[in-house]
PDB file of N, CA and C in Angstrom:
ATOM      1  N   MET A   1      96.019  98.840 119.332  1.00  0.00           N
ATOM      2  CA  MET A   1      95.814  99.539 118.095  1.00  0.00           C
ATOM      3  C   MET A   1      96.208  98.599 116.967  1.00  0.00           C
ATOM      4  N   PHE A   2      95.327  98.487 115.982  1.00  0.00           N
ATOM      5  CA  PHE A   2      95.631  97.705 114.790  1.00  0.00           C
ATOM      6  C   PHE A   2      96.169  98.621 113.707  1.00  0.00           C
ATOM      7  N   ALA A   3      97.125  98.121 112.933  1.00  0.00           N
ATOM      8  CA  ALA A   3      97.607  98.800 111.729  1.00  0.00           C
ATOM      9  C   ALA A   3      97.529  97.781 110.600  1.00  0.00           C
ATOM     10  N   HIS A   4      96.781  98.127 109.550  1.00  0.00           N
ATOM     11  CA  HIS A   4      96.651  97.254 108.386  1.00  0.00           C
ATOM     12  C   HIS A   4      97.504  97.863 107.286  1.00  0.00           C
ATOM     13  N   LEU A   5      98.531  97.136 106.865  1.00  0.00           N
ATOM     14  CA  LEU A   5      99.502  97.668 105.925  1.00  0.00           C
ATOM     15  C   LEU A   5      99.096  97.328 104.493  1.00  0.00           C
ATOM     16  N   LEU A   6      98.977  98.352 103.670  1.00  0.00           N
ATOM     17  CA  LEU A   6      98.613  98.173 102.263  1.00  0.00           C
ATOM     18  C   LEU A   6      99.820  98.503 101.397  1.00  0.00           C
ATOM     19  N   GLY A   7      99.954  97.807 100.302  1.00  0.00           N
ATOM     20  CA  GLY A   7     101.034  98.084  99.363  1.00  0.00           C
ATOM     21  C   GLY A   7     101.664  96.788  98.883  1.00  0.00           C
ATOM     22  N   SER A   8     102.389  96.880  97.795  1.00  0.00           N
ATOM     23  CA  SER A   8     102.920  95.683  97.150  1.00  0.00           C
ATOM     24  C   SER A   8     103.891  94.899  98.039  1.00  0.00           C
ATOM     25  N   ILE A   9     104.590  95.555  98.944  1.00  0.00           N
ATOM     26  CA  ILE A   9     105.518  94.801  99.795  1.00  0.00           C
ATOM     27  C   ILE A   9     104.836  94.218 101.038  1.00  0.00           C
ATOM     28  N   PHE A  10     103.594  94.618 101.304  1.00  0.00           N
ATOM     29  CA  PHE A  10     102.858  94.131 102.474  1.00  0.00           C
ATOM     30  C   PHE A  10     101.698  93.222 102.116  1.00  0.00           C
ATOM     31  N   SER A  11     101.299  93.198 100.842  1.00  0.00           N
ATOM     32  CA  SER A  11     100.072  92.511 100.450  1.00  0.00           C
ATOM     33  C   SER A  11     100.330  91.499  99.347  1.00  0.00           C
ATOM     34  N   GLY A  12      99.464  90.504  99.323  1.00  0.00           N
ATOM     35  CA  GLY A  12      99.478  89.495  98.277  1.00  0.00           C
ATOM     36  C   GLY A  12      98.056  89.067  98.000  1.00  0.00           C
ATOM     37  N   THR A  13      97.888  87.994  97.261  1.00  0.00           N
ATOM     38  CA  THR A  13      96.543  87.543  96.907  1.00  0.00           C
ATOM     39  C   THR A  13      95.762  87.056  98.122  1.00  0.00           C
ATOM     40  N   GLY A  14      96.445  86.650  99.191  1.00  0.00           N
ATOM     41  CA  GLY A  14      95.762  86.162 100.388  1.00  0.00           C
ATOM     42  C   GLY A  14      95.377  87.247 101.371  1.00  0.00           C
ATOM     43  N   GLY A  15      95.912  88.465 101.203  1.00  0.00           N
ATOM     44  CA  GLY A  15      95.609  89.556 102.118  1.00  0.00           C
ATOM     45  C   GLY A  15      96.846  90.402 102.364  1.00  0.00           C
ATOM     46  N   CYS A  16      96.759  91.241 103.371  1.00  0.00           N
ATOM     47  CA  CYS A  16      97.847  92.170 103.697  1.00  0.00           C
ATOM     48  C   CYS A  16      98.279  91.955 105.156  1.00  0.00           C
ATOM     49  N   ASP A  17      99.464  92.466 105.477  1.00  0.00           N
ATOM     50  CA  ASP A  17      99.957  92.351 106.852  1.00  0.00           C
ATOM     51  C   ASP A  17      99.110  93.199 107.802  1.00  0.00           C
ATOM     52  N   LEU A  18      98.865  92.652 108.974  1.00  0.00           N
ATOM     53  CA  LEU A  18      98.138  93.326 110.032  1.00  0.00           C
ATOM     54  C   LEU A  18      99.031  93.306 111.262  1.00  0.00           C
ATOM     55  N   MET A  19      99.122  94.438 111.944  1.00  0.00           N
ATOM     56  CA  MET A  19      99.951  94.528 113.144  1.00  0.00           C
ATOM     57  C   MET A  19      99.084  94.977 114.316  1.00  0.00           C
ATOM     58  N   LEU A  20      99.394  94.474 115.498  1.00  0.00           N
ATOM     59  CA  LEU A  20      98.682  94.846 116.710  1.00  0.00           C
ATOM     60  C   LEU A  20      99.694  95.422 117.691  1.00  0.00           C
ATOM     61  N   PHE A  21      99.395  96.634 118.173  1.00  0.00           N
ATOM     62  CA  PHE A  21     100.254  97.334 119.116  1.00  0.00           C
ATOM     63  C   PHE A  21      99.510  97.553 120.423  1.00  0.00           C
ATOM     64  N   ASP A  22     100.253  97.564 121.529  1.00  0.00           N
ATOM     65  CA  ASP A  22      99.716  97.889 122.841  1.00  0.00           C
ATOM     66  C   ASP A  22     100.204  99.286 123.207  1.00  0.00           C
ATOM     67  N   ASP A  23      99.292 100.129 123.657  1.00  0.00           N
ATOM     68  CA  ASP A  23      99.625 101.505 124.057  1.00  0.00           C
ATOM     69  C   ASP A  23     100.121 101.475 125.498  1.00  0.00           C
ATOM     70  N   ARG A  24     101.418 101.659 125.664  1.00  0.00           N
ATOM     71  CA  ARG A  24     102.029 101.629 126.997  1.00  0.00           C
ATOM     72  C   ARG A  24     102.517 103.024 127.354  1.00  0.00           C
ATOM     73  N   THR A  25     102.858 103.228 128.593  1.00  0.00           N
ATOM     74  CA  THR A  25     103.315 104.555 129.027  1.00  0.00           C
ATOM     75  C   THR A  25     104.599 104.967 128.319  1.00  0.00           C
ATOM     76  N   THR A  26     105.388 103.992 127.874  1.00  0.00           N
ATOM     77  CA  THR A  26     106.652 104.292 127.189  1.00  0.00           C
ATOM     78  C   THR A  26     106.483 104.393 125.678  1.00  0.00           C
ATOM     79  N   GLY A  27     105.258 104.236 125.183  1.00  0.00           N
ATOM     80  CA  GLY A  27     104.986 104.273 123.741  1.00  0.00           C
ATOM     81  C   GLY A  27     104.317 102.981 123.303  1.00  0.00           C
ATOM     82  N   PHE A  28     104.127 102.843 122.027  1.00  0.00           N
ATOM     83  CA  PHE A  28     103.461 101.654 121.497  1.00  0.00           C
ATOM     84  C   PHE A  28     104.440 100.493 121.411  1.00  0.00           C
ATOM     85  N   ALA A  29     103.985  99.299 121.807  1.00  0.00           N
ATOM     86  CA  ALA A  29     104.793  98.080 121.738  1.00  0.00           C
ATOM     87  C   ALA A  29     104.110  97.097 120.792  1.00  0.00           C
ATOM     88  N   LEU A  30     104.866  96.527 119.874  1.00  0.00           N
ATOM     89  CA  LEU A  30     104.326  95.549 118.938  1.00  0.00           C
ATOM     90  C   LEU A  30     104.018  94.254 119.683  1.00  0.00           C
ATOM     91  N   ILE A  31     102.773  93.805 119.582  1.00  0.00           N
ATOM     92  CA  ILE A  31     102.343  92.557 120.215  1.00  0.00           C
ATOM     93  C   ILE A  31     102.377  91.424 119.197  1.00  0.00           C
ATOM     94  N   ASN A  32     101.851  91.674 118.001  1.00  0.00           N
ATOM     95  CA  ASN A  32     101.757  90.639 116.969  1.00  0.00           C
ATOM     96  C   ASN A  32     101.807  91.227 115.581  1.00  0.00           C
ATOM     97  N   THR A  33     102.303  90.416 114.670  1.00  0.00           N
ATOM     98  CA  THR A  33     102.142  90.651 113.241  1.00  0.00           C
ATOM     99  C   THR A  33     101.367  89.467 112.698  1.00  0.00           C
ATOM    100  N   PHE A  34     100.295  89.750 111.974  1.00  0.00           N
ATOM    101  CA  PHE A  34      99.464  88.712 111.380  1.00  0.00           C
ATOM    102  C   PHE A  34      99.637  88.814 109.860  1.00  0.00           C
ATOM    103  N   PRO A  35     100.378  87.901 109.249  1.00  0.00           N
ATOM    104  CA  PRO A  35     100.557  87.983 107.792  1.00  0.00           C
ATOM    105  C   PRO A  35      99.285  87.566 107.061  1.00  0.00           C
ATOM    106  N   ILE A  36      99.215  87.922 105.824  1.00  0.00           N
ATOM    107  CA  ILE A  36      98.111  87.618 104.902  1.00  0.00           C
ATOM    108  C   ILE A  36      96.741  87.698 105.582  1.00  0.00           C
ATOM    109  N   SER A  37      96.423  88.861 106.085  1.00  0.00           N
ATOM    110  CA  SER A  37      95.161  89.076 106.804  1.00  0.00           C
ATOM    111  C   SER A  37      94.128  89.742 105.912  1.00  0.00           C
ATOM    112  N   ARG A  38      92.926  89.293 106.068  1.00  0.00           N
ATOM    113  CA  ARG A  38      91.768  89.921 105.438  1.00  0.00           C
ATOM    114  C   ARG A  38      90.976  90.632 106.525  1.00  0.00           C
ATOM    115  N   LEU A  39      90.136  91.542 106.109  1.00  0.00           N
ATOM    116  CA  LEU A  39      89.340  92.334 107.047  1.00  0.00           C
ATOM    117  C   LEU A  39      87.867  92.034 106.868  1.00  0.00           C
ATOM    118  N   PRO A  40      87.041  92.358 107.853  1.00  0.00           N
ATOM    119  CA  PRO A  40      87.345  92.984 109.133  1.00  0.00           C
ATOM    120  C   PRO A  40      87.866  91.969 110.141  1.00  0.00           C
ATOM    121  N   VAL A  41      88.467  92.473 111.198  1.00  0.00           N
ATOM    122  CA  VAL A  41      88.885  91.650 112.333  1.00  0.00           C
ATOM    123  C   VAL A  41      87.744  91.681 113.338  1.00  0.00           C
ATOM    124  N   LEU A  42      87.402  90.529 113.870  1.00  0.00           N
ATOM    125  CA  LEU A  42      86.352  90.447 114.879  1.00  0.00           C
ATOM    126  C   LEU A  42      87.017  90.354 116.249  1.00  0.00           C
ATOM    127  N   VAL A  43      86.713  91.308 117.112  1.00  0.00           N
ATOM    128  CA  VAL A  43      87.201  91.298 118.494  1.00  0.00           C
ATOM    129  C   VAL A  43      86.096  90.649 119.316  1.00  0.00           C
ATOM    130  N   SER A  44      86.360  89.450 119.794  1.00  0.00           N
ATOM    131  CA  SER A  44      85.368  88.626 120.471  1.00  0.00           C
ATOM    132  C   SER A  44      85.053  89.147 121.867  1.00  0.00           C
ATOM    133  N   LYS A  45      83.932  88.690 122.398  1.00  0.00           N
ATOM    134  CA  LYS A  45      83.584  89.007 123.789  1.00  0.00           C
ATOM    135  C   LYS A  45      84.347  88.098 124.752  1.00  0.00           C
ATOM    136  N   THR A  46      84.854  86.959 124.253  1.00  0.00           N
ATOM    137  CA  THR A  46      85.600  86.042 125.110  1.00  0.00           C
ATOM    138  C   THR A  46      87.043  86.513 125.255  1.00  0.00           C
ATOM    139  N   ARG A  47      87.666  86.110 126.365  1.00  0.00           N
ATOM    140  CA  ARG A  47      89.036  86.550 126.667  1.00  0.00           C
ATOM    141  C   ARG A  47      89.927  85.354 126.982  1.00  0.00           C
ATOM    142  N   SER A  48      91.221  85.548 126.704  1.00  0.00           N
ATOM    143  CA  SER A  48      92.251  84.578 127.093  1.00  0.00           C
ATOM    144  C   SER A  48      93.395  85.361 127.704  1.00  0.00           C
ATOM    145  N   ASN A  49      93.771  85.017 128.930  1.00  0.00           N
ATOM    146  CA  ASN A  49      94.847  85.711 129.649  1.00  0.00           C
ATOM    147  C   ASN A  49      94.621  87.222 129.690  1.00  0.00           C
ATOM    148  N   GLY A  50      93.358  87.626 129.862  1.00  0.00           N
ATOM    149  CA  GLY A  50      93.021  89.035 130.025  1.00  0.00           C
ATOM    150  C   GLY A  50      92.801  89.807 128.742  1.00  0.00           C
ATOM    151  N   TRP A  51      93.150  89.239 127.587  1.00  0.00           N
ATOM    152  CA  TRP A  51      92.996  89.926 126.297  1.00  0.00           C
ATOM    153  C   TRP A  51      91.852  89.278 125.522  1.00  0.00           C
ATOM    154  N   ARG A  52      91.157  90.096 124.759  1.00  0.00           N
ATOM    155  CA  ARG A  52      90.041  89.571 123.966  1.00  0.00           C
ATOM    156  C   ARG A  52      90.545  88.672 122.841  1.00  0.00           C
ATOM    157  N   ASP A  53      89.794  87.618 122.592  1.00  0.00           N
ATOM    158  CA  ASP A  53      90.111  86.725 121.481  1.00  0.00           C
ATOM    159  C   ASP A  53      89.817  87.446 120.163  1.00  0.00           C
ATOM    160  N   LEU A  54      90.512  87.033 119.114  1.00  0.00           N
ATOM    161  CA  LEU A  54      90.351  87.639 117.794  1.00  0.00           C
ATOM    162  C   LEU A  54      89.955  86.581 116.777  1.00  0.00           C
ATOM    163  N   CYS A  55      89.205  86.989 115.769  1.00  0.00           N
ATOM    164  CA  CYS A  55      88.883  86.136 114.628  1.00  0.00           C
ATOM    165  C   CYS A  55      89.191  86.929 113.361  1.00  0.00           C
ATOM    166  N   ARG A  56      89.992  86.306 112.471  1.00  0.00           N
ATOM    167  CA  ARG A  56      90.353  86.953 111.209  1.00  0.00           C
ATOM    168  C   ARG A  56      89.864  86.093 110.055  1.00  0.00           C
ATOM    169  N   PRO A  57      89.240  86.722 109.045  1.00  0.00           N
ATOM    170  CA  PRO A  57      88.791  85.945 107.882  1.00  0.00           C
ATOM    171  C   PRO A  57      89.969  85.404 107.090  1.00  0.00           C
ATOM    172  N   GLU A  58      89.828  84.178 106.606  1.00  0.00           N
ATOM    173  CA  GLU A  58      90.810  83.587 105.702  1.00  0.00           C
ATOM    174  C   GLU A  58      90.055  82.912 104.573  1.00  0.00           C
ATOM    175  N   SER A  59      90.577  83.060 103.353  1.00  0.00           N
ATOM    176  CA  SER A  59      89.973  82.420 102.188  1.00  0.00           C
ATOM    177  C   SER A  59      91.010  82.357 101.085  1.00  0.00           C
ATOM    178  N   GLY A  60      90.681  81.626 100.050  1.00  0.00           N
ATOM    179  CA  GLY A  60      91.567  81.533  98.897  1.00  0.00           C
ATOM    180  C   GLY A  60      92.115  80.133  98.721  1.00  0.00           C
ATOM    181  N   GLY A  61      92.719  79.923  97.565  1.00  0.00           N
ATOM    182  CA  GLY A  61      93.319  78.623  97.264  1.00  0.00           C
ATOM    183  C   GLY A  61      92.312  77.502  97.148  1.00  0.00           C
ATOM    184  N   GLY A  62      91.048  77.822  96.891  1.00  0.00           N
ATOM    185  CA  GLY A  62      90.019  76.809  96.753  1.00  0.00           C
ATOM    186  C   GLY A  62      89.390  76.372  98.068  1.00  0.00           C
ATOM    187  N   ALA A  63      89.956  76.816  99.187  1.00  0.00           N
ATOM    188  CA  ALA A  63      89.396  76.459 100.494  1.00  0.00           C
ATOM    189  C   ALA A  63      88.181  77.329 100.778  1.00  0.00           C
ATOM    190  N   PRO A  64      87.181  76.791 101.462  1.00  0.00           N
ATOM    191  CA  PRO A  64      86.018  77.613 101.799  1.00  0.00           C
ATOM    192  C   PRO A  64      86.417  78.708 102.793  1.00  0.00           C
ATOM    193  N   PRO A  65      85.758  79.861 102.735  1.00  0.00           N
ATOM    194  CA  PRO A  65      86.059  80.933 103.697  1.00  0.00           C
ATOM    195  C   PRO A  65      85.868  80.442 105.129  1.00  0.00           C
ATOM    196  N   SER A  66      86.748  80.888 106.008  1.00  0.00           N
ATOM    197  CA  SER A  66      86.658  80.516 107.419  1.00  0.00           C
ATOM    198  C   SER A  66      87.210  81.666 108.253  1.00  0.00           C
ATOM    199  N   LEU A  67      87.092  81.535 109.554  1.00  0.00           N
ATOM    200  CA  LEU A  67      87.655  82.508 110.485  1.00  0.00           C
ATOM    201  C   LEU A  67      88.754  81.820 111.286  1.00  0.00           C
ATOM    202  N   MET A  68      89.931  82.441 111.336  1.00  0.00           N
ATOM    203  CA  MET A  68      91.018  81.931 112.162  1.00  0.00           C
ATOM    204  C   MET A  68      90.847  82.540 113.554  1.00  0.00           C
ATOM    205  N   ARG A  69      90.601  81.702 114.542  1.00  0.00           N
ATOM    206  CA  ARG A  69      90.450  82.162 115.922  1.00  0.00           C
ATOM    207  C   ARG A  69      91.828  82.220 116.552  1.00  0.00           C
ATOM    208  N   GLN A  70      92.131  83.347 117.200  1.00  0.00           N
ATOM    209  CA  GLN A  70      93.427  83.509 117.855  1.00  0.00           C
ATOM    210  C   GLN A  70      93.215  83.979 119.280  1.00  0.00           C
ATOM    211  N   VAL A  71      94.022  83.426 120.182  1.00  0.00           N
ATOM    212  CA  VAL A  71      93.907  83.735 121.607  1.00  0.00           C
ATOM    213  C   VAL A  71      95.266  84.215 122.115  1.00  0.00           C
ATOM    214  N   PHE A  72      95.221  85.029 123.163  1.00  0.00           N
ATOM    215  CA  PHE A  72      96.435  85.568 123.764  1.00  0.00           C
ATOM    216  C   PHE A  72      96.994  84.546 124.747  1.00  0.00           C
ATOM    217  N   ASP A  73      98.284  84.194 124.601  1.00  0.00           N
ATOM    218  CA  ASP A  73      98.891  83.173 125.468  1.00  0.00           C
ATOM    219  C   ASP A  73      99.658  83.764 126.646  1.00  0.00           C
ATOM    220  N   GLY A  74      99.510  85.068 126.862  1.00  0.00           N
ATOM    221  CA  GLY A  74     100.235  85.749 127.923  1.00  0.00           C
ATOM    222  C   GLY A  74     101.350  86.626 127.384  1.00  0.00           C
ATOM    223  N   THR A  75     101.776  86.339 126.142  1.00  0.00           N
ATOM    224  CA  THR A  75     102.830  87.116 125.489  1.00  0.00           C
ATOM    225  C   THR A  75     102.393  87.619 124.121  1.00  0.00           C
ATOM    226  N   ARG A  76     101.722  86.741 123.372  1.00  0.00           N
ATOM    227  CA  ARG A  76     101.308  87.080 122.005  1.00  0.00           C
ATOM    228  C   ARG A  76     100.069  86.270 121.637  1.00  0.00           C
ATOM    229  N   TYR A  77      99.505  86.571 120.477  1.00  0.00           N
ATOM    230  CA  TYR A  77      98.358  85.819 119.983  1.00  0.00           C
ATOM    231  C   TYR A  77      98.831  84.584 119.227  1.00  0.00           C
ATOM    232  N   VAL A  78      98.170  83.461 119.476  1.00  0.00           N
ATOM    233  CA  VAL A  78      98.481  82.198 118.814  1.00  0.00           C
ATOM    234  C   VAL A  78      97.199  81.636 118.202  1.00  0.00           C
ATOM    235  N   GLU A  79      97.360  80.805 117.175  1.00  0.00           N
ATOM    236  CA  GLU A  79      96.206  80.196 116.515  1.00  0.00           C
ATOM    237  C   GLU A  79      95.532  79.208 117.453  1.00  0.00           C
ATOM    238  N   ALA A  80      94.193  79.274 117.472  1.00  0.00           N
ATOM    239  CA  ALA A  80      93.422  78.388 118.345  1.00  0.00           C
ATOM    240  C   ALA A  80      92.370  77.611 117.575  1.00  0.00           C
ATOM    241  N   GLY A  81      92.498  77.570 116.249  1.00  0.00           N
ATOM    242  CA  GLY A  81      91.561  76.796 115.450  1.00  0.00           C
ATOM    243  C   GLY A  81      90.761  77.646 114.492  1.00  0.00           C
ATOM    244  N   ARG A  82      90.047  76.952 113.631  1.00  0.00           N
ATOM    245  CA  ARG A  82      89.215  77.607 112.619  1.00  0.00           C
ATOM    246  C   ARG A  82      87.743  77.490 112.980  1.00  0.00           C
ATOM    247  N   LEU A  83      87.011  78.534 112.602  1.00  0.00           N
ATOM    248  CA  LEU A  83      85.564  78.546 112.754  1.00  0.00           C
ATOM    249  C   LEU A  83      84.959  78.726 111.371  1.00  0.00           C
ATOM    250  N   PRO A  84      83.748  78.242 111.160  1.00  0.00           N
ATOM    251  CA  PRO A  84      83.097  78.525 109.881  1.00  0.00           C
ATOM    252  C   PRO A  84      82.857  80.024 109.726  1.00  0.00           C
ATOM    253  N   ALA A  85      82.855  80.502 108.491  1.00  0.00           N
ATOM    254  CA  ALA A  85      82.648  81.936 108.237  1.00  0.00           C
ATOM    255  C   ALA A  85      81.239  82.379 108.637  1.00  0.00           C
ATOM    256  N   GLU A  86      80.291  81.478 108.599  1.00  0.00           N
ATOM    257  CA  GLU A  86      78.912  81.759 108.993  1.00  0.00           C
ATOM    258  C   GLU A  86      78.460  80.708 109.991  1.00  0.00           C
ATOM    259  N   PRO A  87      77.749  81.050 111.019  1.00  0.00           N
ATOM    260  CA  PRO A  87      77.394  82.391 111.444  1.00  0.00           C
ATOM    261  C   PRO A  87      78.603  83.086 112.090  1.00  0.00           C
ATOM    262  N   VAL A  88      78.641  84.384 111.979  1.00  0.00           N
ATOM    263  CA  VAL A  88      79.728  85.167 112.561  1.00  0.00           C
ATOM    264  C   VAL A  88      79.558  85.181 114.073  1.00  0.00           C
ATOM    265  N   PRO A  89      80.608  84.868 114.833  1.00  0.00           N
ATOM    266  CA  PRO A  89      80.488  84.889 116.294  1.00  0.00           C
ATOM    267  C   PRO A  89      80.214  86.294 116.823  1.00  0.00           C
ATOM    268  N   GLU A  90      79.745  86.382 118.052  1.00  0.00           N
ATOM    269  CA  GLU A  90      79.492  87.688 118.660  1.00  0.00           C
ATOM    270  C   GLU A  90      80.797  88.417 118.893  1.00  0.00           C
ATOM    271  N   GLY A  91      80.760  89.716 118.715  1.00  0.00           N
ATOM    272  CA  GLY A  91      81.930  90.540 118.934  1.00  0.00           C
ATOM    273  C   GLY A  91      81.805  91.848 118.177  1.00  0.00           C
ATOM    274  N   THR A  92      82.876  92.592 118.142  1.00  0.00           N
ATOM    275  CA  THR A  92      82.911  93.885 117.467  1.00  0.00           C
ATOM    276  C   THR A  92      83.830  93.798 116.268  1.00  0.00           C
ATOM    277  N   SER A  93      83.312  94.143 115.098  1.00  0.00           N
ATOM    278  CA  SER A  93      84.132  94.171 113.891  1.00  0.00           C
ATOM    279  C   SER A  93      84.903  95.477 113.833  1.00  0.00           C
ATOM    280  N   VAL A  94      86.215  95.385 113.616  1.00  0.00           N
ATOM    281  CA  VAL A  94      87.064  96.570 113.486  1.00  0.00           C
ATOM    282  C   VAL A  94      87.749  96.533 112.123  1.00  0.00           C
ATOM    283  N   LEU A  95      88.193  97.701 111.676  1.00  0.00           N
ATOM    284  CA  LEU A  95      88.783  97.866 110.350  1.00  0.00           C
ATOM    285  C   LEU A  95      87.778  97.435 109.285  1.00  0.00           C
ATOM    286  N   THR A  96      86.622  98.042 109.341  1.00  0.00           N
ATOM    287  CA  THR A  96      85.559  97.729 108.387  1.00  0.00           C
ATOM    288  C   THR A  96      85.503  98.790 107.302  1.00  0.00           C
ATOM    289  N   GLY A  97      84.768  98.513 106.260  1.00  0.00           N
ATOM    290  CA  GLY A  97      84.610  99.469 105.170  1.00  0.00           C
ATOM    291  C   GLY A  97      85.719  99.319 104.147  1.00  0.00           C
ATOM    292  N   ALA A  98      85.699 100.196 103.171  1.00  0.00           N
ATOM    293  CA  ALA A  98      86.679 100.156 102.094  1.00  0.00           C
ATOM    294  C   ALA A  98      87.933 100.913 102.509  1.00  0.00           C
ATOM    295  N   LEU A  99      89.002 100.175 102.754  1.00  0.00           N
ATOM    296  CA  LEU A  99      90.264 100.814 103.097  1.00  0.00           C
ATOM    297  C   LEU A  99      91.014 101.141 101.821  1.00  0.00           C
ATOM    298  N   THR A 100      91.496 102.366 101.729  1.00  0.00           N
ATOM    299  CA  THR A 100      92.218 102.815 100.542  1.00  0.00           C
ATOM    300  C   THR A 100      93.476 103.554 100.971  1.00  0.00           C
ATOM    301  N   PHE A 101      94.367 103.784 100.017  1.00  0.00           N
ATOM    302  CA  PHE A 101      95.565 104.563 100.310  1.00  0.00           C
ATOM    303  C   PHE A 101      95.190 105.988 100.712  1.00  0.00           C
ATOM    304  N   GLU A 102      94.120 106.515 100.135  1.00  0.00           N
ATOM    305  CA  GLU A 102      93.703 107.883 100.435  1.00  0.00           C
ATOM    306  C   GLU A 102      93.121 108.016 101.832  1.00  0.00           C
ATOM    307  N   ALA A 103      92.524 106.952 102.370  1.00  0.00           N
ATOM    308  CA  ALA A 103      91.874 107.010 103.685  1.00  0.00           C
ATOM    309  C   ALA A 103      92.861 106.756 104.823  1.00  0.00           C
ATOM    310  N   GLY A 104      94.042 106.208 104.519  1.00  0.00           N
ATOM    311  CA  GLY A 104      95.001 105.882 105.568  1.00  0.00           C
ATOM    312  C   GLY A 104      96.051 106.958 105.760  1.00  0.00           C
ATOM    313  N   ILE A 105      97.028 106.620 106.523  1.00  0.00           N
ATOM    314  CA  ILE A 105      98.160 107.522 106.778  1.00  0.00           C
ATOM    315  C   ILE A 105      99.386 106.882 106.166  1.00  0.00           C
ATOM    316  N   PRO A 106      99.948 107.505 105.117  1.00  0.00           N
ATOM    317  CA  PRO A 106     101.134 106.893 104.487  1.00  0.00           C
ATOM    318  C   PRO A 106     102.327 106.908 105.452  1.00  0.00           C
ATOM    319  N   LEU A 107     103.030 105.812 105.499  1.00  0.00           N
ATOM    320  CA  LEU A 107     104.248 105.722 106.292  1.00  0.00           C
ATOM    321  C   LEU A 107     105.439 105.947 105.372  1.00  0.00           C
ATOM    322  N   GLU A 108     106.200 106.947 105.666  1.00  0.00           N
ATOM    323  CA  GLU A 108     107.355 107.299 104.846  1.00  0.00           C
ATOM    324  C   GLU A 108     108.632 106.962 105.600  1.00  0.00           C
ATOM    325  N   PRO A 109     109.694 106.590 104.878  1.00  0.00           N
ATOM    326  CA  PRO A 109     110.954 106.329 105.577  1.00  0.00           C
ATOM    327  C   PRO A 109     111.492 107.574 106.261  1.00  0.00           C
ATOM    328  N   ARG A 110     112.162 107.365 107.379  1.00  0.00           N
ATOM    329  CA  ARG A 110     112.769 108.469 108.122  1.00  0.00           C
ATOM    330  C   ARG A 110     113.949 109.006 107.337  1.00  0.00           C
ATOM    331  N   ARG A 111     114.118 110.300 107.316  1.00  0.00           N
ATOM    332  CA  ARG A 111     115.244 110.920 106.571  1.00  0.00           C
ATOM    333  C   ARG A 111     116.232 111.528 107.495  1.00  0.00           C
TER     334      ARG A 111
END
């Protein structure tokens, strides 16, 4: 499960924090936090250590847009290089469309 965090403490000009959780019998376990992430995330058809590879858009700072390819190393996702933004590799785009505070679920501190 992906969680894309919006708000001033989670976001900057480069993007917002993205978290990936695994649904286990004991509850959700955090697998990765991806800082300064842009959307959508591409879930590739290729796999590393049983998990699908991911591609996240990166841009800004005068650099041309690109995709950061990440692969699972058996414990977490690690960077595996950059791909050009076009053509987009095969896979499924997730977290697409206009994400807003109204469309998400606000996380409130526990009281």
